[in-house]
Amino acid sequence: MIFITRELYDGIQLDSGWERCAEREWKQRSAIYERHYELVAPFLPAGMRRLCHYGLHDAVVQSATQNDGSLCLVMDAAKALGHFRGQRLRLTFVGLRRRIALRGLRGQWWLYHEAHLSNKTRYLFQIMFHKSDVDIEADDLRIERI
């Protein structure tokens, strides 16, 4: 992730020793990312704009599969914050150009995400889960309630 990094996330935790400084940095970077997102959003597919708008903070990965240029994440949003709370969703990222490492993704909590434009695909979507980060370069995103 470019704006909200793992190091910064670790810094805002109460036992980091630099949480006050990290919180100030977090606020600054969040504001910069919001401006960045406003610029790139018109170029993103509708599904990606929807996901970025509503978010999936605290949703849990139930399964992750990949085949034929697509990645499917089934998310349990029962305790997620925001619009998708209480739902189970299938996120299908279409038009992948490379394989994504899926090992250990099941059971991870979605924390934060960033959307960027990519020179290889329509977008680069970066997700910070509680244990790892995932970069997804794809052309489209379908969101389905299941």
N, C-alpha and C. Protein backbone atom coordinates (compact mmCIF):
# COMPACT_ATOMS: atom_id res chain seq x y z
N MET A 1 0.85 -1.17 0.00
CA MET A 1 0.00 0.00 0.00
C MET A 1 0.90 1.23 0.00
N ILE A 2 0.40 2.27 -0.61
CA ILE A 2 1.21 3.47 -0.80
C ILE A 2 0.99 4.48 0.32
N PHE A 3 -0.25 4.73 0.67
CA PHE A 3 -0.56 5.78 1.65
C PHE A 3 -0.65 5.23 3.07
N ILE A 4 -1.45 4.19 3.26
CA ILE A 4 -1.61 3.57 4.59
C ILE A 4 -0.77 2.30 4.58
N THR A 5 0.43 2.39 5.08
CA THR A 5 1.37 1.27 5.04
C THR A 5 1.23 0.38 6.28
N ARG A 6 1.79 -0.81 6.18
CA ARG A 6 1.79 -1.73 7.32
C ARG A 6 2.55 -1.11 8.49
N GLU A 7 3.66 -0.45 8.21
CA GLU A 7 4.44 0.20 9.26
C GLU A 7 3.62 1.27 9.98
N LEU A 8 2.87 2.04 9.22
CA LEU A 8 2.02 3.07 9.82
C LEU A 8 0.89 2.44 10.64
N TYR A 9 0.29 1.38 10.11
CA TYR A 9 -0.75 0.66 10.84
C TYR A 9 -0.21 0.14 12.17
N ASP A 10 0.98 -0.48 12.13
CA ASP A 10 1.59 -0.96 13.37
C ASP A 10 1.87 0.19 14.32
N GLY A 11 2.22 1.35 13.78
CA GLY A 11 2.53 2.52 14.60
C GLY A 11 1.35 3.07 15.36
N ILE A 12 0.14 2.93 14.84
CA ILE A 12 -1.02 3.49 15.55
C ILE A 12 -1.53 2.57 16.65
N GLN A 13 -0.96 1.38 16.77
CA GLN A 13 -1.35 0.46 17.85
C GLN A 13 -0.83 1.00 19.18
N LEU A 14 -1.58 0.78 20.25
CA LEU A 14 -1.29 1.37 21.55
C LEU A 14 0.09 1.05 22.10
N ASP A 15 0.64 -0.08 21.77
CA ASP A 15 1.93 -0.47 22.35
C ASP A 15 3.12 -0.20 21.42
N SER A 16 2.93 0.63 20.40
CA SER A 16 4.00 0.84 19.42
C SER A 16 5.11 1.75 19.93
N GLY A 17 4.78 2.63 20.86
CA GLY A 17 5.77 3.59 21.34
C GLY A 17 5.80 4.88 20.54
N TRP A 18 5.13 4.91 19.41
CA TRP A 18 5.07 6.14 18.62
C TRP A 18 3.66 6.40 18.06
N GLU A 19 2.66 5.93 18.84
CA GLU A 19 1.28 6.02 18.36
C GLU A 19 0.79 7.45 18.11
N ARG A 20 1.20 8.42 18.93
CA ARG A 20 0.74 9.79 18.72
C ARG A 20 1.28 10.35 17.40
N CYS A 21 2.53 10.14 17.16
CA CYS A 21 3.15 10.57 15.91
C CYS A 21 2.52 9.83 14.72
N ALA A 22 2.31 8.54 14.88
CA ALA A 22 1.72 7.73 13.81
C ALA A 22 0.28 8.16 13.51
N GLU A 23 -0.48 8.53 14.54
CA GLU A 23 -1.84 9.00 14.33
C GLU A 23 -1.87 10.28 13.51
N ARG A 24 -0.96 11.20 13.79
CA ARG A 24 -0.87 12.44 13.00
C ARG A 24 -0.53 12.11 11.55
N GLU A 25 0.43 11.22 11.37
CA GLU A 25 0.83 10.82 10.02
C GLU A 25 -0.33 10.12 9.30
N TRP A 26 -1.06 9.29 10.03
CA TRP A 26 -2.21 8.57 9.47
C TRP A 26 -3.24 9.57 8.95
N LYS A 27 -3.56 10.58 9.74
CA LYS A 27 -4.54 11.58 9.33
C LYS A 27 -4.08 12.33 8.09
N GLN A 28 -2.82 12.69 8.04
CA GLN A 28 -2.29 13.40 6.87
C GLN A 28 -2.36 12.52 5.62
N ARG A 29 -1.90 11.28 5.75
CA ARG A 29 -1.91 10.38 4.60
C ARG A 29 -3.32 10.02 4.15
N SER A 30 -4.22 9.89 5.10
CA SER A 30 -5.62 9.59 4.76
C SER A 30 -6.22 10.74 3.95
N ALA A 31 -5.93 11.95 4.34
CA ALA A 31 -6.44 13.12 3.60
C ALA A 31 -5.85 13.17 2.20
N ILE A 32 -4.57 12.87 2.08
CA ILE A 32 -3.92 12.86 0.76
C ILE A 32 -4.53 11.76 -0.10
N TYR A 33 -4.74 10.58 0.49
CA TYR A 33 -5.34 9.49 -0.28
C TYR A 33 -6.74 9.85 -0.74
N GLU A 34 -7.53 10.48 0.11
CA GLU A 34 -8.88 10.88 -0.29
C GLU A 34 -8.85 11.78 -1.52
N ARG A 35 -7.91 12.71 -1.57
CA ARG A 35 -7.76 13.58 -2.75
C ARG A 35 -7.33 12.75 -3.97
N HIS A 36 -6.39 11.84 -3.75
CA HIS A 36 -5.94 10.95 -4.82
C HIS A 36 -7.11 10.13 -5.36
N TYR A 37 -7.90 9.57 -4.47
CA TYR A 37 -9.02 8.73 -4.89
C TYR A 37 -10.04 9.55 -5.69
N GLU A 38 -10.31 10.76 -5.28
CA GLU A 38 -11.26 11.61 -6.02
C GLU A 38 -10.81 11.79 -7.47
N LEU A 39 -9.51 11.83 -7.69
CA LEU A 39 -8.98 12.00 -9.05
C LEU A 39 -9.07 10.73 -9.89
N VAL A 40 -8.82 9.57 -9.26
CA VAL A 40 -8.80 8.32 -10.02
C VAL A 40 -10.18 7.66 -10.13
N ALA A 41 -11.09 7.96 -9.23
CA ALA A 41 -12.39 7.29 -9.19
C ALA A 41 -13.14 7.30 -10.53
N PRO A 42 -13.17 8.40 -11.25
CA PRO A 42 -13.90 8.39 -12.53
C PRO A 42 -13.37 7.37 -13.54
N PHE A 43 -12.14 6.92 -13.38
CA PHE A 43 -11.53 5.97 -14.30
C PHE A 43 -11.68 4.52 -13.86
N LEU A 44 -12.21 4.30 -12.67
CA LEU A 44 -12.37 2.96 -12.12
C LEU A 44 -13.71 2.36 -12.54
N PRO A 45 -13.77 1.02 -12.67
CA PRO A 45 -15.06 0.37 -12.96
C PRO A 45 -16.06 0.62 -11.82
N ALA A 46 -17.33 0.56 -12.15
CA ALA A 46 -18.40 0.85 -11.18
C ALA A 46 -18.30 -0.03 -9.93
N GLY A 47 -18.00 -1.32 -10.10
CA GLY A 47 -17.89 -2.21 -8.94
C GLY A 47 -16.78 -1.80 -8.00
N MET A 48 -15.67 -1.35 -8.56
CA MET A 48 -14.54 -0.90 -7.73
C MET A 48 -14.91 0.38 -6.99
N ARG A 49 -15.58 1.30 -7.66
CA ARG A 49 -16.01 2.54 -6.98
C ARG A 49 -16.97 2.21 -5.84
N ARG A 50 -17.86 1.26 -6.06
CA ARG A 50 -18.81 0.86 -5.02
C ARG A 50 -18.09 0.27 -3.81
N LEU A 51 -17.15 -0.64 -4.08
CA LEU A 51 -16.41 -1.26 -2.98
C LEU A 51 -15.60 -0.22 -2.22
N CYS A 52 -14.95 0.68 -2.93
CA CYS A 52 -14.16 1.72 -2.27
C CYS A 52 -15.05 2.64 -1.44
N HIS A 53 -16.23 2.93 -1.95
CA HIS A 53 -17.15 3.83 -1.23
C HIS A 53 -17.65 3.20 0.08
N TYR A 54 -18.04 1.94 0.02
CA TYR A 54 -18.62 1.29 1.19
C TYR A 54 -17.61 0.58 2.07
N GLY A 55 -16.57 0.01 1.47
CA GLY A 55 -15.53 -0.67 2.24
C GLY A 55 -15.98 -1.99 2.84
N LEU A 56 -15.02 -2.73 3.36
CA LEU A 56 -15.29 -4.02 4.00
C LEU A 56 -14.47 -4.19 5.29
N HIS A 57 -14.20 -3.10 5.97
CA HIS A 57 -13.39 -3.18 7.18
C HIS A 57 -13.98 -4.20 8.15
N ASP A 58 -13.15 -5.12 8.60
CA ASP A 58 -13.50 -6.20 9.53
C ASP A 58 -14.27 -7.35 8.91
N ALA A 59 -14.42 -7.39 7.59
CA ALA A 59 -14.97 -8.58 6.94
C ALA A 59 -13.89 -9.65 6.95
N VAL A 60 -14.31 -10.91 6.90
CA VAL A 60 -13.38 -12.04 6.99
C VAL A 60 -13.42 -12.84 5.69
N VAL A 61 -12.25 -13.22 5.21
CA VAL A 61 -12.14 -14.03 3.99
C VAL A 61 -12.59 -15.45 4.33
N GLN A 62 -13.65 -15.91 3.67
CA GLN A 62 -14.11 -17.29 3.85
C GLN A 62 -13.44 -18.23 2.85
N SER A 63 -13.23 -17.74 1.64
CA SER A 63 -12.52 -18.54 0.64
C SER A 63 -11.92 -17.63 -0.40
N ALA A 64 -10.88 -18.14 -1.05
CA ALA A 64 -10.20 -17.40 -2.12
C ALA A 64 -9.80 -18.41 -3.20
N THR A 65 -10.29 -18.20 -4.42
CA THR A 65 -9.97 -19.08 -5.53
C THR A 65 -9.59 -18.24 -6.74
N GLN A 66 -8.80 -18.85 -7.60
CA GLN A 66 -8.30 -18.13 -8.76
C GLN A 66 -8.26 -19.06 -9.96
N ASN A 67 -8.81 -18.61 -11.09
CA ASN A 67 -8.71 -19.39 -12.33
C ASN A 67 -9.10 -18.53 -13.53
N ASP A 68 -8.58 -18.88 -14.67
CA ASP A 68 -8.91 -18.24 -15.94
C ASP A 68 -8.93 -16.71 -15.87
N GLY A 69 -7.93 -16.12 -15.27
CA GLY A 69 -7.82 -14.67 -15.23
C GLY A 69 -8.77 -13.98 -14.27
N SER A 70 -9.31 -14.72 -13.31
CA SER A 70 -10.18 -14.09 -12.32
C SER A 70 -9.82 -14.58 -10.91
N LEU A 71 -10.14 -13.75 -9.96
CA LEU A 71 -9.93 -14.05 -8.54
C LEU A 71 -11.26 -13.87 -7.84
N CYS A 72 -11.66 -14.87 -7.07
CA CYS A 72 -12.93 -14.81 -6.35
C CYS A 72 -12.65 -14.87 -4.84
N LEU A 73 -13.09 -13.83 -4.14
CA LEU A 73 -13.01 -13.80 -2.68
C LEU A 73 -14.42 -13.86 -2.12
N VAL A 74 -14.70 -14.84 -1.29
CA VAL A 74 -15.98 -14.89 -0.57
C VAL A 74 -15.73 -14.28 0.80
N MET A 75 -16.49 -13.23 1.10
CA MET A 75 -16.28 -12.46 2.31
C MET A 75 -17.47 -12.56 3.25
N ASP A 76 -17.19 -12.79 4.51
CA ASP A 76 -18.21 -12.77 5.55
C ASP A 76 -18.18 -11.38 6.17
N ALA A 77 -19.18 -10.60 5.88
CA ALA A 77 -19.24 -9.23 6.39
C ALA A 77 -20.21 -9.11 7.57
N ALA A 78 -20.44 -10.20 8.27
CA ALA A 78 -21.38 -10.21 9.39
C ALA A 78 -21.06 -9.13 10.41
N LYS A 79 -19.79 -8.92 10.68
CA LYS A 79 -19.39 -7.94 11.70
C LYS A 79 -18.60 -6.78 11.09
N ALA A 80 -18.67 -6.66 9.78
CA ALA A 80 -17.94 -5.58 9.10
C ALA A 80 -18.58 -4.23 9.42
N LEU A 81 -17.79 -3.20 9.28
CA LEU A 81 -18.31 -1.85 9.44
C LEU A 81 -18.90 -1.38 8.11
N GLY A 82 -19.99 -0.67 8.17
CA GLY A 82 -20.51 -0.03 6.96
C GLY A 82 -21.65 -0.75 6.28
N HIS A 83 -21.85 -0.38 5.04
CA HIS A 83 -22.99 -0.77 4.21
C HIS A 83 -23.18 -2.29 4.06
N PHE A 84 -22.11 -3.03 3.95
CA PHE A 84 -22.19 -4.47 3.69
C PHE A 84 -22.35 -5.31 4.96
N ARG A 85 -22.42 -4.67 6.11
CA ARG A 85 -22.52 -5.39 7.39
C ARG A 85 -23.68 -6.38 7.36
N GLY A 86 -23.41 -7.59 7.87
CA GLY A 86 -24.44 -8.61 7.96
C GLY A 86 -24.62 -9.43 6.69
N GLN A 87 -23.82 -9.16 5.67
CA GLN A 87 -23.98 -9.85 4.40
C GLN A 87 -22.80 -10.79 4.13
N ARG A 88 -23.03 -11.67 3.20
CA ARG A 88 -21.98 -12.53 2.67
C ARG A 88 -21.83 -12.15 1.21
N LEU A 89 -20.60 -11.86 0.79
CA LEU A 89 -20.37 -11.34 -0.55
C LEU A 89 -19.38 -12.19 -1.32
N ARG A 90 -19.56 -12.18 -2.64
CA ARG A 90 -18.57 -12.76 -3.54
C ARG A 90 -18.00 -11.61 -4.36
N LEU A 91 -16.70 -11.38 -4.20
CA LEU A 91 -16.00 -10.37 -4.99
C LEU A 91 -15.25 -11.10 -6.09
N THR A 92 -15.57 -10.80 -7.33
CA THR A 92 -14.88 -11.44 -8.46
C THR A 92 -14.11 -10.38 -9.23
N PHE A 93 -12.80 -10.47 -9.12
CA PHE A 93 -11.90 -9.57 -9.84
C PHE A 93 -11.62 -10.22 -11.19
N VAL A 94 -11.96 -9.52 -12.26
CA VAL A 94 -11.88 -10.07 -13.62
C VAL A 94 -10.76 -9.39 -14.40
N GLY A 95 -10.08 -10.18 -15.22
CA GLY A 95 -9.03 -9.62 -16.07
C GLY A 95 -7.68 -9.52 -15.38
N LEU A 96 -7.40 -10.47 -14.49
CA LEU A 96 -6.10 -10.49 -13.82
C LEU A 96 -4.99 -10.74 -14.83
N ARG A 97 -3.84 -10.12 -14.62
CA ARG A 97 -2.69 -10.34 -15.49
C ARG A 97 -1.65 -11.26 -14.85
N ARG A 98 -1.79 -11.51 -13.56
CA ARG A 98 -0.85 -12.40 -12.87
C ARG A 98 -1.55 -13.10 -11.73
N ARG A 99 -0.94 -14.20 -11.30
CA ARG A 99 -1.52 -14.97 -10.20
C ARG A 99 -1.28 -14.25 -8.88
N ILE A 100 -2.20 -14.44 -7.97
CA ILE A 100 -2.14 -13.84 -6.64
C ILE A 100 -1.85 -14.95 -5.64
N ALA A 101 -0.95 -14.71 -4.70
CA ALA A 101 -0.65 -15.69 -3.65
C ALA A 101 -1.83 -15.74 -2.69
N LEU A 102 -2.48 -16.88 -2.64
CA LEU A 102 -3.69 -17.03 -1.82
C LEU A 102 -3.47 -17.81 -0.53
N ARG A 103 -2.32 -18.44 -0.40
CA ARG A 103 -2.04 -19.27 0.78
C ARG A 103 -2.17 -18.42 2.05
N GLY A 104 -2.93 -18.91 2.99
CA GLY A 104 -3.09 -18.25 4.28
C GLY A 104 -4.08 -17.10 4.29
N LEU A 105 -4.75 -16.86 3.17
CA LEU A 105 -5.68 -15.74 3.11
C LEU A 105 -7.00 -16.04 3.83
N ARG A 106 -7.41 -17.31 3.80
CA ARG A 106 -8.66 -17.70 4.45
C ARG A 106 -8.59 -17.39 5.95
N GLY A 107 -9.65 -16.74 6.46
CA GLY A 107 -9.72 -16.41 7.87
C GLY A 107 -9.13 -15.05 8.21
N GLN A 108 -8.53 -14.38 7.25
CA GLN A 108 -7.94 -13.06 7.53
C GLN A 108 -9.01 -11.97 7.52
N TRP A 109 -8.77 -10.96 8.33
CA TRP A 109 -9.67 -9.81 8.47
C TRP A 109 -9.22 -8.70 7.53
N TRP A 110 -10.16 -8.14 6.79
CA TRP A 110 -9.92 -7.01 5.90
C TRP A 110 -9.79 -5.77 6.78
N LEU A 111 -8.69 -5.06 6.64
CA LEU A 111 -8.50 -3.83 7.42
C LEU A 111 -8.70 -2.59 6.55
N TYR A 112 -7.83 -2.39 5.58
CA TYR A 112 -7.88 -1.18 4.76
C TYR A 112 -7.60 -1.52 3.31
N HIS A 113 -7.91 -0.58 2.44
CA HIS A 113 -7.65 -0.79 1.01
C HIS A 113 -7.33 0.54 0.35
N GLU A 114 -6.69 0.44 -0.81
CA GLU A 114 -6.41 1.59 -1.66
C GLU A 114 -6.64 1.18 -3.10
N ALA A 115 -7.17 2.10 -3.89
CA ALA A 115 -7.36 1.87 -5.32
C ALA A 115 -6.49 2.85 -6.10
N HIS A 116 -5.84 2.33 -7.12
CA HIS A 116 -4.95 3.14 -7.95
C HIS A 116 -5.16 2.77 -9.42
N LEU A 117 -4.75 3.63 -10.30
CA LEU A 117 -4.74 3.29 -11.72
C LEU A 117 -3.49 2.46 -11.98
N SER A 118 -3.55 1.64 -13.01
CA SER A 118 -2.43 0.77 -13.37
C SER A 118 -2.14 0.91 -14.85
N ASN A 119 -0.89 0.74 -15.23
CA ASN A 119 -0.56 0.79 -16.65
C ASN A 119 -0.72 -0.57 -17.33
N LYS A 120 -1.02 -1.62 -16.55
CA LYS A 120 -1.20 -2.96 -17.11
C LYS A 120 -2.67 -3.34 -17.20
N THR A 121 -3.48 -2.84 -16.28
CA THR A 121 -4.91 -3.15 -16.19
C THR A 121 -5.65 -1.86 -15.87
N ARG A 122 -6.96 -1.93 -15.71
CA ARG A 122 -7.72 -0.71 -15.40
C ARG A 122 -7.41 -0.18 -14.00
N TYR A 123 -7.06 -1.08 -13.09
CA TYR A 123 -6.78 -0.62 -11.73
C TYR A 123 -5.85 -1.56 -10.99
N LEU A 124 -5.26 -1.02 -9.94
CA LEU A 124 -4.50 -1.78 -8.95
C LEU A 124 -5.24 -1.58 -7.65
N PHE A 125 -5.67 -2.68 -7.03
CA PHE A 125 -6.39 -2.63 -5.77
C PHE A 125 -5.52 -3.28 -4.72
N GLN A 126 -5.19 -2.54 -3.68
CA GLN A 126 -4.34 -3.05 -2.62
C GLN A 126 -5.17 -3.22 -1.35
N ILE A 127 -5.10 -4.41 -0.77
CA ILE A 127 -5.86 -4.70 0.45
C ILE A 127 -4.88 -5.05 1.56
N MET A 128 -5.06 -4.42 2.71
CA MET A 128 -4.30 -4.78 3.91
C MET A 128 -5.21 -5.65 4.77
N PHE A 129 -4.83 -6.92 4.89
CA PHE A 129 -5.51 -7.82 5.82
C PHE A 129 -4.73 -7.80 7.12
N HIS A 130 -5.25 -8.41 8.16
CA HIS A 130 -4.58 -8.30 9.45
C HIS A 130 -3.22 -9.00 9.48
N LYS A 131 -2.98 -9.96 8.58
CA LYS A 131 -1.69 -10.65 8.59
C LYS A 131 -0.87 -10.42 7.33
N SER A 132 -1.48 -10.01 6.24
CA SER A 132 -0.75 -9.85 4.98
C SER A 132 -1.40 -8.79 4.11
N ASP A 133 -0.69 -8.43 3.05
CA ASP A 133 -1.19 -7.46 2.08
C ASP A 133 -1.31 -8.17 0.73
N VAL A 134 -2.31 -7.75 -0.06
CA VAL A 134 -2.54 -8.34 -1.37
C VAL A 134 -2.69 -7.22 -2.39
N ASP A 135 -1.98 -7.34 -3.51
CA ASP A 135 -2.11 -6.41 -4.64
C ASP A 135 -2.82 -7.13 -5.77
N ILE A 136 -3.92 -6.54 -6.25
CA ILE A 136 -4.72 -7.14 -7.31
C ILE A 136 -4.78 -6.16 -8.48
N GLU A 137 -4.20 -6.57 -9.60
CA GLU A 137 -4.31 -5.78 -10.82
C GLU A 137 -5.35 -6.46 -11.70
N ALA A 138 -6.43 -5.76 -12.01
CA ALA A 138 -7.53 -6.36 -12.76
C ALA A 138 -8.24 -5.28 -13.59
N ASP A 139 -9.18 -5.75 -14.42
CA ASP A 139 -9.93 -4.83 -15.28
C ASP A 139 -11.32 -4.53 -14.77
N ASP A 140 -11.90 -5.43 -14.00
CA ASP A 140 -13.28 -5.22 -13.54
C ASP A 140 -13.47 -5.91 -12.20
N LEU A 141 -14.59 -5.58 -11.55
CA LEU A 141 -14.96 -6.20 -10.27
C LEU A 141 -16.46 -6.38 -10.24
N ARG A 142 -16.87 -7.60 -9.93
CA ARG A 142 -18.30 -7.88 -9.72
C ARG A 142 -18.50 -8.16 -8.24
N ILE A 143 -19.54 -7.57 -7.67
CA ILE A 143 -19.89 -7.78 -6.26
C ILE A 143 -21.26 -8.42 -6.22
N GLU A 144 -21.34 -9.59 -5.59
CA GLU A 144 -22.62 -10.31 -5.50
C GLU A 144 -22.90 -10.67 -4.05
N ARG A 145 -24.15 -10.51 -3.64
CA ARG A 145 -24.59 -11.03 -2.34
C ARG A 145 -24.87 -12.51 -2.52
N ILE A 146 -24.43 -13.29 -1.55
CA ILE A 146 -24.69 -14.74 -1.62
C ILE A 146 -25.31 -15.22 -0.32
